[in-house]
Amino acid sequence: MTTRSESVETPAGQARVTWHTARAARAVLALGHGAGGGIEARDLQALAAALPARGCTVALVEQPWRVAGKKVAAAPKVLDEGWRGLWPALEAPGLPVVAGGRSAGARVACRTAAALGAAGVLALAFPLHPPGRPEKSRAAELLDAGRPTLVLQGGRDPFGRPGEFPEGAYELAEVSHGDHGFAVPKKAGLTQDEALAVITGTVASWLGRLLG
């Protein structure tokens, strides 16, 4: 695996892509971050470390607001604009691109995947609703993604537990005891490393089926 970063100009400002490049890669998995953090999130870093050895290049995408050092995420429309603007850079290796991200980044991927021609969508910790507000559902974004979709959700995620998700044309996998950041308590029946292994293993298996 080789790692490099590049800046990409978008209509929303300058974004940054950190490439974790696989030898003989079969696809690119592009992952955006959430509204409360960056690409240092444990699930994004775990995937970037694990998947190149399995033939998938991982591109960790920092949205322009984050690159600019702002503390508050841009509006959804602006996030989508930035993602669309950097998509040509993600396609540059000439491989199928799977759009993905965690939390707000998952929403961006779902909203834009069909129009951009993504090979699939990976939604990590999809924020189905604000905590304690199940009536404010964002399920339509997930259901309208229009591409093969995998959702990985923590068993105790306050933004939506696995059992709250509606039926639809997507796969849903639970990370037992995980919160919105997939952190697991010490009293859980699995360690943090084991929880991350569930994520990387599930995603690798799904990508294998998706890419054939």
N, C-alpha and C. Protein backbone atom coordinates (compact mmCIF):
# COMPACT_ATOMS: atom_id res chain seq x y z
N MET A 1 0.84 -1.20 0.00
CA MET A 1 0.00 0.00 0.00
C MET A 1 0.87 1.24 0.00
N THR A 2 0.49 2.22 -0.79
CA THR A 2 1.14 3.52 -0.77
C THR A 2 0.12 4.57 -0.35
N THR A 3 0.60 5.64 0.27
CA THR A 3 -0.28 6.70 0.76
C THR A 3 0.19 8.05 0.24
N ARG A 4 -0.76 8.85 -0.23
CA ARG A 4 -0.45 10.20 -0.67
C ARG A 4 -1.70 11.06 -0.51
N SER A 5 -1.48 12.37 -0.44
CA SER A 5 -2.59 13.31 -0.33
C SER A 5 -2.56 14.28 -1.49
N GLU A 6 -3.74 14.72 -1.90
CA GLU A 6 -3.82 15.74 -2.94
C GLU A 6 -4.96 16.70 -2.62
N SER A 7 -4.76 17.95 -3.01
CA SER A 7 -5.81 18.96 -2.87
C SER A 7 -6.62 19.01 -4.15
N VAL A 8 -7.92 19.20 -4.00
CA VAL A 8 -8.82 19.24 -5.15
C VAL A 8 -9.71 20.47 -5.03
N GLU A 9 -9.71 21.29 -6.06
CA GLU A 9 -10.57 22.47 -6.06
C GLU A 9 -11.99 22.06 -6.42
N THR A 10 -12.94 22.55 -5.65
CA THR A 10 -14.35 22.29 -5.91
C THR A 10 -15.11 23.61 -5.86
N PRO A 11 -16.34 23.65 -6.34
CA PRO A 11 -17.13 24.87 -6.24
C PRO A 11 -17.37 25.32 -4.79
N ALA A 12 -17.21 24.38 -3.85
CA ALA A 12 -17.41 24.70 -2.43
C ALA A 12 -16.12 25.06 -1.72
N GLY A 13 -15.00 25.07 -2.45
CA GLY A 13 -13.70 25.34 -1.85
C GLY A 13 -12.75 24.18 -2.07
N GLN A 14 -11.60 24.26 -1.44
CA GLN A 14 -10.57 23.25 -1.62
C GLN A 14 -10.80 22.05 -0.71
N ALA A 15 -10.91 20.88 -1.32
CA ALA A 15 -11.04 19.63 -0.58
C ALA A 15 -9.68 18.93 -0.57
N ARG A 16 -9.58 17.88 0.22
CA ARG A 16 -8.35 17.10 0.27
C ARG A 16 -8.70 15.62 0.22
N VAL A 17 -7.95 14.88 -0.59
CA VAL A 17 -8.14 13.42 -0.69
C VAL A 17 -6.85 12.74 -0.27
N THR A 18 -6.94 11.85 0.70
CA THR A 18 -5.80 11.04 1.12
C THR A 18 -6.00 9.64 0.58
N TRP A 19 -5.10 9.26 -0.30
CA TRP A 19 -5.20 7.98 -1.00
C TRP A 19 -4.43 6.89 -0.26
N HIS A 20 -5.07 5.77 -0.06
CA HIS A 20 -4.43 4.55 0.46
C HIS A 20 -4.56 3.54 -0.68
N THR A 21 -3.53 3.47 -1.48
CA THR A 21 -3.61 2.81 -2.78
C THR A 21 -3.18 1.34 -2.71
N ALA A 22 -4.04 0.50 -3.25
CA ALA A 22 -3.77 -0.93 -3.31
C ALA A 22 -3.00 -1.28 -4.58
N ARG A 23 -2.20 -2.31 -4.51
CA ARG A 23 -1.59 -2.86 -5.71
C ARG A 23 -2.66 -3.64 -6.46
N ALA A 24 -2.69 -3.49 -7.76
CA ALA A 24 -3.68 -4.20 -8.58
C ALA A 24 -5.10 -3.97 -8.04
N ALA A 25 -5.42 -2.73 -7.75
CA ALA A 25 -6.74 -2.40 -7.19
C ALA A 25 -7.85 -2.71 -8.18
N ARG A 26 -8.98 -3.13 -7.64
CA ARG A 26 -10.16 -3.42 -8.47
C ARG A 26 -11.19 -2.30 -8.39
N ALA A 27 -11.09 -1.46 -7.37
CA ALA A 27 -12.07 -0.40 -7.17
C ALA A 27 -11.50 0.64 -6.22
N VAL A 28 -12.19 1.78 -6.18
CA VAL A 28 -11.89 2.83 -5.21
C VAL A 28 -13.08 2.96 -4.27
N LEU A 29 -12.83 2.95 -2.98
CA LEU A 29 -13.86 3.24 -1.98
C LEU A 29 -13.58 4.64 -1.46
N ALA A 30 -14.46 5.58 -1.78
CA ALA A 30 -14.31 6.96 -1.36
C ALA A 30 -15.15 7.19 -0.11
N LEU A 31 -14.52 7.69 0.95
CA LEU A 31 -15.18 7.83 2.24
C LEU A 31 -15.11 9.26 2.75
N GLY A 32 -16.27 9.85 2.98
CA GLY A 32 -16.35 11.17 3.57
C GLY A 32 -16.56 11.07 5.08
N HIS A 33 -16.20 12.13 5.79
CA HIS A 33 -16.31 12.15 7.25
C HIS A 33 -17.65 12.73 7.70
N GLY A 34 -17.84 12.74 8.99
CA GLY A 34 -19.07 13.27 9.56
C GLY A 34 -18.98 14.76 9.85
N ALA A 35 -20.05 15.29 10.45
CA ALA A 35 -20.12 16.71 10.76
C ALA A 35 -19.34 17.06 12.02
N GLY A 36 -19.05 16.06 12.86
CA GLY A 36 -18.39 16.34 14.12
C GLY A 36 -16.93 15.93 14.16
N GLY A 37 -16.37 15.51 13.05
CA GLY A 37 -14.99 15.06 13.04
C GLY A 37 -14.48 14.89 11.63
N GLY A 38 -13.24 14.43 11.50
CA GLY A 38 -12.61 14.30 10.19
C GLY A 38 -12.29 12.86 9.85
N ILE A 39 -11.29 12.70 9.00
CA ILE A 39 -10.95 11.36 8.51
C ILE A 39 -10.20 10.53 9.54
N GLU A 40 -9.95 11.11 10.71
CA GLU A 40 -9.29 10.35 11.78
C GLU A 40 -10.26 9.41 12.50
N ALA A 41 -11.53 9.42 12.14
CA ALA A 41 -12.52 8.56 12.77
C ALA A 41 -12.07 7.10 12.72
N ARG A 42 -12.33 6.36 13.78
CA ARG A 42 -11.79 5.00 13.91
C ARG A 42 -12.25 4.07 12.79
N ASP A 43 -13.51 4.20 12.33
CA ASP A 43 -13.98 3.30 11.28
C ASP A 43 -13.33 3.62 9.94
N LEU A 44 -13.16 4.92 9.64
CA LEU A 44 -12.52 5.30 8.38
C LEU A 44 -11.07 4.85 8.36
N GLN A 45 -10.37 5.04 9.47
CA GLN A 45 -8.96 4.64 9.53
C GLN A 45 -8.81 3.12 9.45
N ALA A 46 -9.73 2.40 10.07
CA ALA A 46 -9.66 0.93 10.01
C ALA A 46 -9.84 0.43 8.59
N LEU A 47 -10.78 1.00 7.87
CA LEU A 47 -11.00 0.59 6.49
C LEU A 47 -9.82 0.96 5.61
N ALA A 48 -9.25 2.14 5.83
CA ALA A 48 -8.09 2.56 5.03
C ALA A 48 -6.89 1.65 5.27
N ALA A 49 -6.78 1.12 6.48
CA ALA A 49 -5.66 0.23 6.80
C ALA A 49 -5.87 -1.18 6.28
N ALA A 50 -7.13 -1.64 6.26
CA ALA A 50 -7.40 -3.05 5.95
C ALA A 50 -7.68 -3.35 4.49
N LEU A 51 -8.38 -2.46 3.79
CA LEU A 51 -8.89 -2.81 2.47
C LEU A 51 -7.85 -2.83 1.35
N PRO A 52 -6.81 -1.99 1.36
CA PRO A 52 -5.84 -2.07 0.26
C PRO A 52 -5.22 -3.46 0.11
N ALA A 53 -5.02 -4.16 1.20
CA ALA A 53 -4.46 -5.52 1.12
C ALA A 53 -5.45 -6.48 0.47
N ARG A 54 -6.71 -6.06 0.37
CA ARG A 54 -7.74 -6.90 -0.25
C ARG A 54 -8.14 -6.38 -1.62
N GLY A 55 -7.30 -5.53 -2.20
CA GLY A 55 -7.51 -5.09 -3.58
C GLY A 55 -8.40 -3.89 -3.78
N CYS A 56 -8.63 -3.12 -2.72
CA CYS A 56 -9.47 -1.93 -2.85
C CYS A 56 -8.72 -0.70 -2.37
N THR A 57 -8.55 0.26 -3.25
CA THR A 57 -7.96 1.54 -2.86
C THR A 57 -8.99 2.34 -2.06
N VAL A 58 -8.55 2.95 -0.98
CA VAL A 58 -9.43 3.77 -0.14
C VAL A 58 -9.02 5.23 -0.26
N ALA A 59 -9.98 6.08 -0.58
CA ALA A 59 -9.76 7.52 -0.68
C ALA A 59 -10.53 8.20 0.44
N LEU A 60 -9.80 8.75 1.42
CA LEU A 60 -10.43 9.46 2.52
C LEU A 60 -10.57 10.93 2.15
N VAL A 61 -11.80 11.41 2.13
CA VAL A 61 -12.11 12.74 1.60
C VAL A 61 -12.40 13.72 2.73
N GLU A 62 -11.68 14.83 2.74
CA GLU A 62 -11.94 15.92 3.67
C GLU A 62 -12.69 17.02 2.95
N GLN A 63 -13.86 17.33 3.43
CA GLN A 63 -14.70 18.35 2.82
C GLN A 63 -14.05 19.74 2.97
N PRO A 64 -14.37 20.67 2.05
CA PRO A 64 -13.76 22.01 2.09
C PRO A 64 -13.88 22.72 3.43
N TRP A 65 -15.02 22.58 4.11
CA TRP A 65 -15.16 23.28 5.40
C TRP A 65 -14.15 22.78 6.41
N ARG A 66 -13.85 21.50 6.35
CA ARG A 66 -12.88 20.92 7.27
C ARG A 66 -11.46 21.34 6.91
N VAL A 67 -11.15 21.33 5.62
CA VAL A 67 -9.83 21.76 5.16
C VAL A 67 -9.57 23.22 5.54
N ALA A 68 -10.62 24.03 5.50
CA ALA A 68 -10.50 25.46 5.83
C ALA A 68 -10.38 25.71 7.33
N GLY A 69 -10.50 24.67 8.13
CA GLY A 69 -10.35 24.82 9.57
C GLY A 69 -11.59 25.28 10.30
N LYS A 70 -12.74 25.21 9.64
CA LYS A 70 -13.98 25.62 10.29
C LYS A 70 -14.46 24.53 11.24
N LYS A 71 -15.16 24.94 12.28
CA LYS A 71 -15.63 24.00 13.29
C LYS A 71 -17.06 23.52 13.06
N VAL A 72 -17.78 24.22 12.20
CA VAL A 72 -19.16 23.87 11.93
C VAL A 72 -19.29 23.40 10.49
N ALA A 73 -19.94 22.28 10.28
CA ALA A 73 -20.08 21.72 8.93
C ALA A 73 -20.93 22.61 8.05
N ALA A 74 -20.67 22.56 6.76
CA ALA A 74 -21.45 23.31 5.79
C ALA A 74 -22.85 22.71 5.67
N ALA A 75 -23.74 23.44 5.03
CA ALA A 75 -25.10 22.97 4.80
C ALA A 75 -25.08 21.77 3.85
N PRO A 76 -26.09 20.90 3.93
CA PRO A 76 -26.12 19.71 3.06
C PRO A 76 -25.92 20.03 1.58
N LYS A 77 -26.53 21.09 1.08
CA LYS A 77 -26.38 21.45 -0.32
C LYS A 77 -24.93 21.73 -0.67
N VAL A 78 -24.21 22.39 0.25
CA VAL A 78 -22.81 22.71 0.01
C VAL A 78 -21.94 21.45 0.11
N LEU A 79 -22.27 20.57 1.04
CA LEU A 79 -21.55 19.30 1.15
C LEU A 79 -21.67 18.50 -0.15
N ASP A 80 -22.88 18.44 -0.69
CA ASP A 80 -23.10 17.72 -1.95
C ASP A 80 -22.31 18.38 -3.08
N GLU A 81 -22.28 19.70 -3.09
CA GLU A 81 -21.56 20.42 -4.14
C GLU A 81 -20.07 20.10 -4.09
N GLY A 82 -19.51 20.07 -2.89
CA GLY A 82 -18.10 19.73 -2.75
C GLY A 82 -17.82 18.31 -3.20
N TRP A 83 -18.70 17.38 -2.83
CA TRP A 83 -18.52 15.97 -3.19
C TRP A 83 -18.58 15.79 -4.71
N ARG A 84 -19.57 16.43 -5.33
CA ARG A 84 -19.67 16.34 -6.79
C ARG A 84 -18.45 16.94 -7.46
N GLY A 85 -17.93 18.02 -6.89
CA GLY A 85 -16.78 18.69 -7.49
C GLY A 85 -15.51 17.88 -7.46
N LEU A 86 -15.34 17.03 -6.46
CA LEU A 86 -14.12 16.23 -6.37
C LEU A 86 -14.28 14.84 -6.99
N TRP A 87 -15.49 14.50 -7.42
CA TRP A 87 -15.72 13.17 -7.99
C TRP A 87 -14.79 12.84 -9.16
N PRO A 88 -14.51 13.77 -10.09
CA PRO A 88 -13.58 13.43 -11.17
C PRO A 88 -12.21 12.98 -10.66
N ALA A 89 -11.74 13.53 -9.56
CA ALA A 89 -10.46 13.09 -8.99
C ALA A 89 -10.56 11.66 -8.48
N LEU A 90 -11.71 11.28 -7.95
CA LEU A 90 -11.91 9.92 -7.46
C LEU A 90 -11.98 8.92 -8.61
N GLU A 91 -12.47 9.37 -9.75
CA GLU A 91 -12.56 8.51 -10.94
C GLU A 91 -11.25 8.44 -11.71
N ALA A 92 -10.29 9.31 -11.37
CA ALA A 92 -9.05 9.40 -12.14
C ALA A 92 -8.30 8.09 -12.30
N PRO A 93 -8.27 7.20 -11.28
CA PRO A 93 -7.56 5.93 -11.48
C PRO A 93 -8.20 5.02 -12.52
N GLY A 94 -9.41 5.35 -12.98
CA GLY A 94 -10.08 4.55 -14.00
C GLY A 94 -10.72 3.28 -13.47
N LEU A 95 -11.09 3.30 -12.21
CA LEU A 95 -11.70 2.14 -11.56
C LEU A 95 -13.13 2.46 -11.12
N PRO A 96 -13.95 1.43 -10.89
CA PRO A 96 -15.27 1.69 -10.31
C PRO A 96 -15.11 2.40 -8.97
N VAL A 97 -15.98 3.36 -8.69
CA VAL A 97 -15.90 4.10 -7.44
C VAL A 97 -17.14 3.81 -6.60
N VAL A 98 -16.93 3.32 -5.40
CA VAL A 98 -18.00 3.13 -4.42
C VAL A 98 -18.02 4.36 -3.53
N ALA A 99 -19.16 5.02 -3.45
CA ALA A 99 -19.29 6.22 -2.63
C ALA A 99 -19.67 5.83 -1.21
N GLY A 100 -19.05 6.47 -0.25
CA GLY A 100 -19.37 6.14 1.13
C GLY A 100 -18.98 7.24 2.09
N GLY A 101 -19.23 6.96 3.35
CA GLY A 101 -18.88 7.92 4.38
C GLY A 101 -19.56 7.53 5.67
N ARG A 102 -19.21 8.27 6.72
CA ARG A 102 -19.85 8.04 8.01
C ARG A 102 -20.73 9.24 8.36
N SER A 103 -21.88 8.95 8.95
CA SER A 103 -22.82 9.96 9.43
C SER A 103 -23.19 10.95 8.32
N ALA A 104 -22.86 12.23 8.46
CA ALA A 104 -23.20 13.20 7.42
C ALA A 104 -22.59 12.82 6.08
N GLY A 105 -21.40 12.20 6.11
CA GLY A 105 -20.77 11.75 4.87
C GLY A 105 -21.55 10.65 4.20
N ALA A 106 -22.21 9.81 5.00
CA ALA A 106 -23.07 8.76 4.43
C ALA A 106 -24.28 9.37 3.75
N ARG A 107 -24.83 10.42 4.34
CA ARG A 107 -25.97 11.10 3.73
C ARG A 107 -25.58 11.70 2.39
N VAL A 108 -24.42 12.32 2.32
CA VAL A 108 -23.94 12.90 1.06
C VAL A 108 -23.82 11.81 0.00
N ALA A 109 -23.22 10.69 0.37
CA ALA A 109 -23.04 9.60 -0.58
C ALA A 109 -24.39 9.10 -1.10
N CYS A 110 -25.36 8.96 -0.21
CA CYS A 110 -26.68 8.49 -0.63
C CYS A 110 -27.36 9.48 -1.57
N ARG A 111 -27.26 10.75 -1.26
CA ARG A 111 -27.96 11.77 -2.06
C ARG A 111 -27.38 11.93 -3.46
N THR A 112 -26.10 11.63 -3.63
CA THR A 112 -25.43 11.92 -4.90
C THR A 112 -25.05 10.70 -5.73
N ALA A 113 -25.15 9.50 -5.16
CA ALA A 113 -24.59 8.30 -5.80
C ALA A 113 -25.16 8.03 -7.18
N ALA A 114 -26.47 8.08 -7.32
CA ALA A 114 -27.08 7.74 -8.61
C ALA A 114 -26.65 8.72 -9.70
N ALA A 115 -26.69 10.00 -9.40
CA ALA A 115 -26.34 11.01 -10.41
C ALA A 115 -24.87 10.91 -10.82
N LEU A 116 -24.01 10.51 -9.90
CA LEU A 116 -22.58 10.42 -10.20
C LEU A 116 -22.18 9.08 -10.80
N GLY A 117 -23.10 8.12 -10.78
CA GLY A 117 -22.78 6.81 -11.34
C GLY A 117 -21.91 5.95 -10.45
N ALA A 118 -22.06 6.11 -9.14
CA ALA A 118 -21.28 5.31 -8.20
C ALA A 118 -21.63 3.83 -8.35
N ALA A 119 -20.64 2.97 -8.11
CA ALA A 119 -20.86 1.53 -8.21
C ALA A 119 -21.68 1.00 -7.04
N GLY A 120 -21.69 1.71 -5.95
CA GLY A 120 -22.43 1.31 -4.76
C GLY A 120 -22.30 2.38 -3.71
N VAL A 121 -22.95 2.15 -2.57
CA VAL A 121 -22.92 3.11 -1.46
C VAL A 121 -22.63 2.36 -0.16
N LEU A 122 -21.67 2.88 0.61
CA LEU A 122 -21.38 2.36 1.94
C LEU A 122 -21.75 3.44 2.95
N ALA A 123 -22.74 3.14 3.78
CA ALA A 123 -23.21 4.10 4.78
C ALA A 123 -22.81 3.61 6.17
N LEU A 124 -21.87 4.31 6.78
CA LEU A 124 -21.40 3.99 8.11
C LEU A 124 -22.09 4.90 9.11
N ALA A 125 -22.74 4.32 10.12
CA ALA A 125 -23.43 5.11 11.15
C ALA A 125 -24.37 6.12 10.51
N PHE A 126 -25.25 5.64 9.64
CA PHE A 126 -26.20 6.53 8.98
C PHE A 126 -27.08 7.20 10.03
N PRO A 127 -27.15 8.55 10.03
CA PRO A 127 -27.95 9.25 11.04
C PRO A 127 -29.43 9.27 10.65
N LEU A 128 -30.11 8.19 10.98
CA LEU A 128 -31.50 8.02 10.56
C LEU A 128 -32.39 9.15 11.07
N HIS A 129 -32.05 9.65 12.24
CA HIS A 129 -32.81 10.77 12.81
C HIS A 129 -31.95 11.44 13.88
N PRO A 130 -32.23 12.68 14.26
CA PRO A 130 -31.51 13.29 15.37
C PRO A 130 -31.80 12.50 16.65
N PRO A 131 -30.86 12.48 17.59
CA PRO A 131 -31.10 11.73 18.83
C PRO A 131 -32.39 12.15 19.53
N GLY A 132 -33.21 11.17 19.85
CA GLY A 132 -34.47 11.44 20.54
C GLY A 132 -35.57 12.02 19.67
N ARG A 133 -35.34 12.09 18.35
CA ARG A 133 -36.34 12.67 17.44
C ARG A 133 -36.64 11.73 16.29
N PRO A 134 -37.17 10.55 16.57
CA PRO A 134 -37.42 9.58 15.49
C PRO A 134 -38.39 10.07 14.44
N GLU A 135 -39.21 11.07 14.78
CA GLU A 135 -40.15 11.61 13.80
C GLU A 135 -39.45 12.42 12.71
N LYS A 136 -38.20 12.82 12.94
CA LYS A 136 -37.42 13.57 11.96
C LYS A 136 -36.58 12.60 11.11
N SER A 137 -37.25 11.67 10.47
CA SER A 137 -36.56 10.60 9.75
C SER A 137 -35.88 11.08 8.47
N ARG A 138 -34.69 10.53 8.23
CA ARG A 138 -33.96 10.78 6.98
C ARG A 138 -33.92 9.52 6.12
N ALA A 139 -34.84 8.62 6.39
CA ALA A 139 -34.85 7.34 5.69
C ALA A 139 -34.95 7.51 4.18
N ALA A 140 -35.63 8.55 3.71
CA ALA A 140 -35.81 8.73 2.27
C ALA A 140 -34.48 8.85 1.55
N GLU A 141 -33.49 9.49 2.19
CA GLU A 141 -32.18 9.62 1.55
C GLU A 141 -31.55 8.25 1.31
N LEU A 142 -31.68 7.38 2.27
CA LEU A 142 -31.14 6.02 2.16
C LEU A 142 -31.92 5.20 1.14
N LEU A 143 -33.24 5.27 1.22
CA LEU A 143 -34.08 4.46 0.34
C LEU A 143 -33.99 4.91 -1.11
N ASP A 144 -33.64 6.17 -1.34
CA ASP A 144 -33.56 6.71 -2.70
C ASP A 144 -32.15 6.71 -3.26
N ALA A 145 -31.21 6.03 -2.61
CA ALA A 145 -29.82 6.05 -3.07
C ALA A 145 -29.68 5.54 -4.50
N GLY A 146 -30.49 4.55 -4.86
CA GLY A 146 -30.49 4.07 -6.24
C GLY A 146 -29.29 3.24 -6.64
N ARG A 147 -28.52 2.78 -5.68
CA ARG A 147 -27.35 1.95 -5.94
C ARG A 147 -27.29 0.86 -4.88
N PRO A 148 -26.62 -0.27 -5.15
CA PRO A 148 -26.45 -1.28 -4.09
C PRO A 148 -25.83 -0.63 -2.86
N THR A 149 -26.45 -0.83 -1.72
CA THR A 149 -26.07 -0.10 -0.51
C THR A 149 -25.88 -1.02 0.67
N LEU A 150 -24.82 -0.77 1.44
CA LEU A 150 -24.58 -1.45 2.70
C LEU A 150 -24.58 -0.42 3.81
N VAL A 151 -25.38 -0.68 4.85
CA VAL A 151 -25.41 0.16 6.04
C VAL A 151 -24.78 -0.62 7.20
N LEU A 152 -23.82 0.01 7.88
CA LEU A 152 -23.25 -0.56 9.09
C LEU A 152 -23.64 0.35 10.24
N GLN A 153 -24.33 -0.21 11.23
CA GLN A 153 -24.92 0.60 12.29
C GLN A 153 -24.59 0.02 13.66
N GLY A 154 -24.21 0.90 14.58
CA GLY A 154 -23.95 0.47 15.95
C GLY A 154 -25.23 0.06 16.65
N GLY A 155 -25.14 -0.95 17.48
CA GLY A 155 -26.32 -1.46 18.17
C GLY A 155 -26.94 -0.48 19.14
N ARG A 156 -26.18 0.51 19.60
CA ARG A 156 -26.73 1.51 20.51
C ARG A 156 -26.52 2.93 19.98
N ASP A 157 -26.59 3.08 18.68
CA ASP A 157 -26.43 4.39 18.05
C ASP A 157 -27.66 5.26 18.34
N PRO A 158 -27.51 6.40 19.01
CA PRO A 158 -28.67 7.24 19.31
C PRO A 158 -29.26 7.91 18.08
N PHE A 159 -28.53 7.90 16.98
CA PHE A 159 -29.03 8.47 15.73
C PHE A 159 -29.85 7.44 14.93
N GLY A 160 -30.06 6.28 15.50
CA GLY A 160 -30.85 5.24 14.84
C GLY A 160 -30.25 3.87 15.09
N ARG A 161 -30.95 3.06 15.85
CA ARG A 161 -30.49 1.69 16.10
C ARG A 161 -30.94 0.80 14.94
N PRO A 162 -30.26 -0.31 14.73
CA PRO A 162 -30.59 -1.16 13.58
C PRO A 162 -32.07 -1.50 13.46
N GLY A 163 -32.72 -1.77 14.59
CA GLY A 163 -34.13 -2.15 14.56
C GLY A 163 -35.08 -1.04 14.12
N GLU A 164 -34.59 0.18 14.08
CA GLU A 164 -35.42 1.31 13.67
C GLU A 164 -35.45 1.51 12.16
N PHE A 165 -34.54 0.88 11.44
CA PHE A 165 -34.44 1.11 10.00
C PHE A 165 -35.59 0.44 9.26
N PRO A 166 -36.15 1.13 8.28
CA PRO A 166 -37.25 0.54 7.50
C PRO A 166 -36.73 -0.50 6.51
N GLU A 167 -37.61 -1.35 6.06
CA GLU A 167 -37.22 -2.30 5.02
C GLU A 167 -36.95 -1.55 3.73
N GLY A 168 -35.99 -2.06 2.97
CA GLY A 168 -35.66 -1.41 1.71
C GLY A 168 -34.63 -2.22 0.95
N ALA A 169 -34.26 -1.73 -0.21
CA ALA A 169 -33.33 -2.44 -1.09
C ALA A 169 -31.89 -2.11 -0.69
N TYR A 170 -31.53 -2.50 0.52
CA TYR A 170 -30.17 -2.29 1.00
C TYR A 170 -29.86 -3.38 2.02
N GLU A 171 -28.58 -3.56 2.30
CA GLU A 171 -28.16 -4.51 3.33
C GLU A 171 -27.86 -3.73 4.61
N LEU A 172 -28.19 -4.32 5.74
CA LEU A 172 -27.95 -3.70 7.03
C LEU A 172 -27.21 -4.68 7.93
N ALA A 173 -26.08 -4.22 8.46
CA ALA A 173 -25.29 -5.05 9.37
C ALA A 173 -25.09 -4.30 10.68
N GLU A 174 -25.22 -5.01 11.78
CA GLU A 174 -25.09 -4.40 13.11
C GLU A 174 -23.70 -4.63 13.69
N VAL A 175 -23.15 -3.58 14.30
CA VAL A 175 -21.94 -3.69 15.10
C VAL A 175 -22.39 -3.69 16.56
N SER A 176 -22.40 -4.86 17.17
CA SER A 176 -22.97 -5.01 18.51
C SER A 176 -22.34 -4.04 19.51
N HIS A 177 -23.19 -3.40 20.28
CA HIS A 177 -22.79 -2.49 21.37
C HIS A 177 -22.16 -1.19 20.88
N GLY A 178 -22.03 -1.00 19.58
CA GLY A 178 -21.38 0.20 19.06
C GLY A 178 -22.25 1.43 19.20
N ASP A 179 -21.63 2.59 19.50
CA ASP A 179 -22.36 3.85 19.51
C ASP A 179 -22.23 4.51 18.14
N HIS A 180 -22.48 5.79 18.04
CA HIS A 180 -22.45 6.46 16.74
C HIS A 180 -21.04 6.47 16.13
N GLY A 181 -20.03 6.41 16.99
CA GLY A 181 -18.65 6.34 16.50
C GLY A 181 -18.10 4.92 16.52
N PHE A 182 -18.99 3.94 16.73
CA PHE A 182 -18.63 2.52 16.83
C PHE A 182 -17.73 2.21 18.02
N ALA A 183 -17.75 3.09 19.02
CA ALA A 183 -17.06 2.77 20.27
C ALA A 183 -17.90 1.76 21.04
N VAL A 184 -17.23 0.79 21.66
CA VAL A 184 -17.93 -0.22 22.45
C VAL A 184 -17.47 -0.10 23.91
N PRO A 185 -18.39 -0.26 24.86
CA PRO A 185 -18.02 -0.16 26.28
C PRO A 185 -17.17 -1.35 26.71
N LYS A 186 -16.42 -1.14 27.78
CA LYS A 186 -15.54 -2.20 28.27
C LYS A 186 -16.31 -3.45 28.71
N LYS A 187 -17.56 -3.25 29.12
CA LYS A 187 -18.36 -4.40 29.57
C LYS A 187 -18.98 -5.17 28.42
N ALA A 188 -18.79 -4.71 27.20
CA ALA A 188 -19.35 -5.41 26.03
C ALA A 188 -18.67 -6.75 25.84
N GLY A 189 -19.33 -7.60 25.08
CA GLY A 189 -18.78 -8.93 24.87
C GLY A 189 -17.72 -9.00 23.78
N LEU A 190 -17.27 -7.84 23.30
CA LEU A 190 -16.21 -7.81 22.30
C LEU A 190 -15.34 -6.58 22.54
N THR A 191 -14.10 -6.65 22.10
CA THR A 191 -13.17 -5.54 22.27
C THR A 191 -13.37 -4.52 21.15
N GLN A 192 -12.73 -3.36 21.31
CA GLN A 192 -12.80 -2.35 20.26
C GLN A 192 -12.20 -2.87 18.97
N ASP A 193 -11.09 -3.56 19.06
CA ASP A 193 -10.46 -4.11 17.85
C ASP A 193 -11.37 -5.13 17.17
N GLU A 194 -12.07 -5.92 17.97
CA GLU A 194 -13.00 -6.89 17.39
C GLU A 194 -14.17 -6.20 16.70
N ALA A 195 -14.64 -5.11 17.28
CA ALA A 195 -15.73 -4.36 16.65
C ALA A 195 -15.28 -3.79 15.31
N LEU A 196 -14.06 -3.26 15.26
CA LEU A 196 -13.55 -2.73 14.00
C LEU A 196 -13.33 -3.85 12.98
N ALA A 197 -12.96 -5.03 13.47
CA ALA A 197 -12.79 -6.17 12.56
C ALA A 197 -14.12 -6.58 11.94
N VAL A 198 -15.21 -6.42 12.69
CA VAL A 198 -16.54 -6.69 12.14
C VAL A 198 -16.80 -5.74 10.97
N ILE A 199 -16.45 -4.47 11.16
CA ILE A 199 -16.66 -3.47 10.11
C ILE A 199 -15.84 -3.80 8.88
N THR A 200 -14.55 -3.99 9.05
CA THR A 200 -13.68 -4.23 7.88
C THR A 200 -14.03 -5.54 7.19
N GLY A 201 -14.33 -6.57 7.96
CA GLY A 201 -14.68 -7.85 7.36
C GLY A 201 -15.98 -7.80 6.60
N THR A 202 -16.98 -7.13 7.18
CA THR A 202 -18.28 -7.02 6.52
C THR A 202 -18.16 -6.21 5.23
N VAL A 203 -17.43 -5.11 5.29
CA VAL A 203 -17.27 -4.28 4.09
C VAL A 203 -16.49 -5.03 3.01
N ALA A 204 -15.43 -5.71 3.39
CA ALA A 204 -14.65 -6.46 2.40
C ALA A 204 -15.49 -7.53 1.72
N SER A 205 -16.30 -8.24 2.50
CA SER A 205 -17.16 -9.27 1.93
C SER A 205 -18.19 -8.66 0.97
N TRP A 206 -18.79 -7.56 1.38
CA TRP A 206 -19.79 -6.89 0.53
C TRP A 206 -19.15 -6.38 -0.76
N LEU A 207 -17.97 -5.79 -0.68
CA LEU A 207 -17.30 -5.31 -1.88
C LEU A 207 -16.98 -6.47 -2.82
N GLY A 208 -16.59 -7.59 -2.25
CA GLY A 208 -16.31 -8.76 -3.08
C GLY A 208 -17.54 -9.19 -3.88
N ARG A 209 -18.70 -9.18 -3.23
CA ARG A 209 -19.94 -9.55 -3.93
C ARG A 209 -20.33 -8.47 -4.94
N LEU A 210 -20.14 -7.23 -4.56
CA LEU A 210 -20.54 -6.11 -5.43
C LEU A 210 -19.73 -6.08 -6.72
N LEU A 211 -18.44 -6.34 -6.60
CA LEU A 211 -17.54 -6.22 -7.75
C LEU A 211 -17.44 -7.51 -8.56
N GLY A 212 -17.94 -8.59 -7.99
CA GLY A 212 -17.99 -9.85 -8.73
C GLY A 212 -16.68 -10.59 -8.84
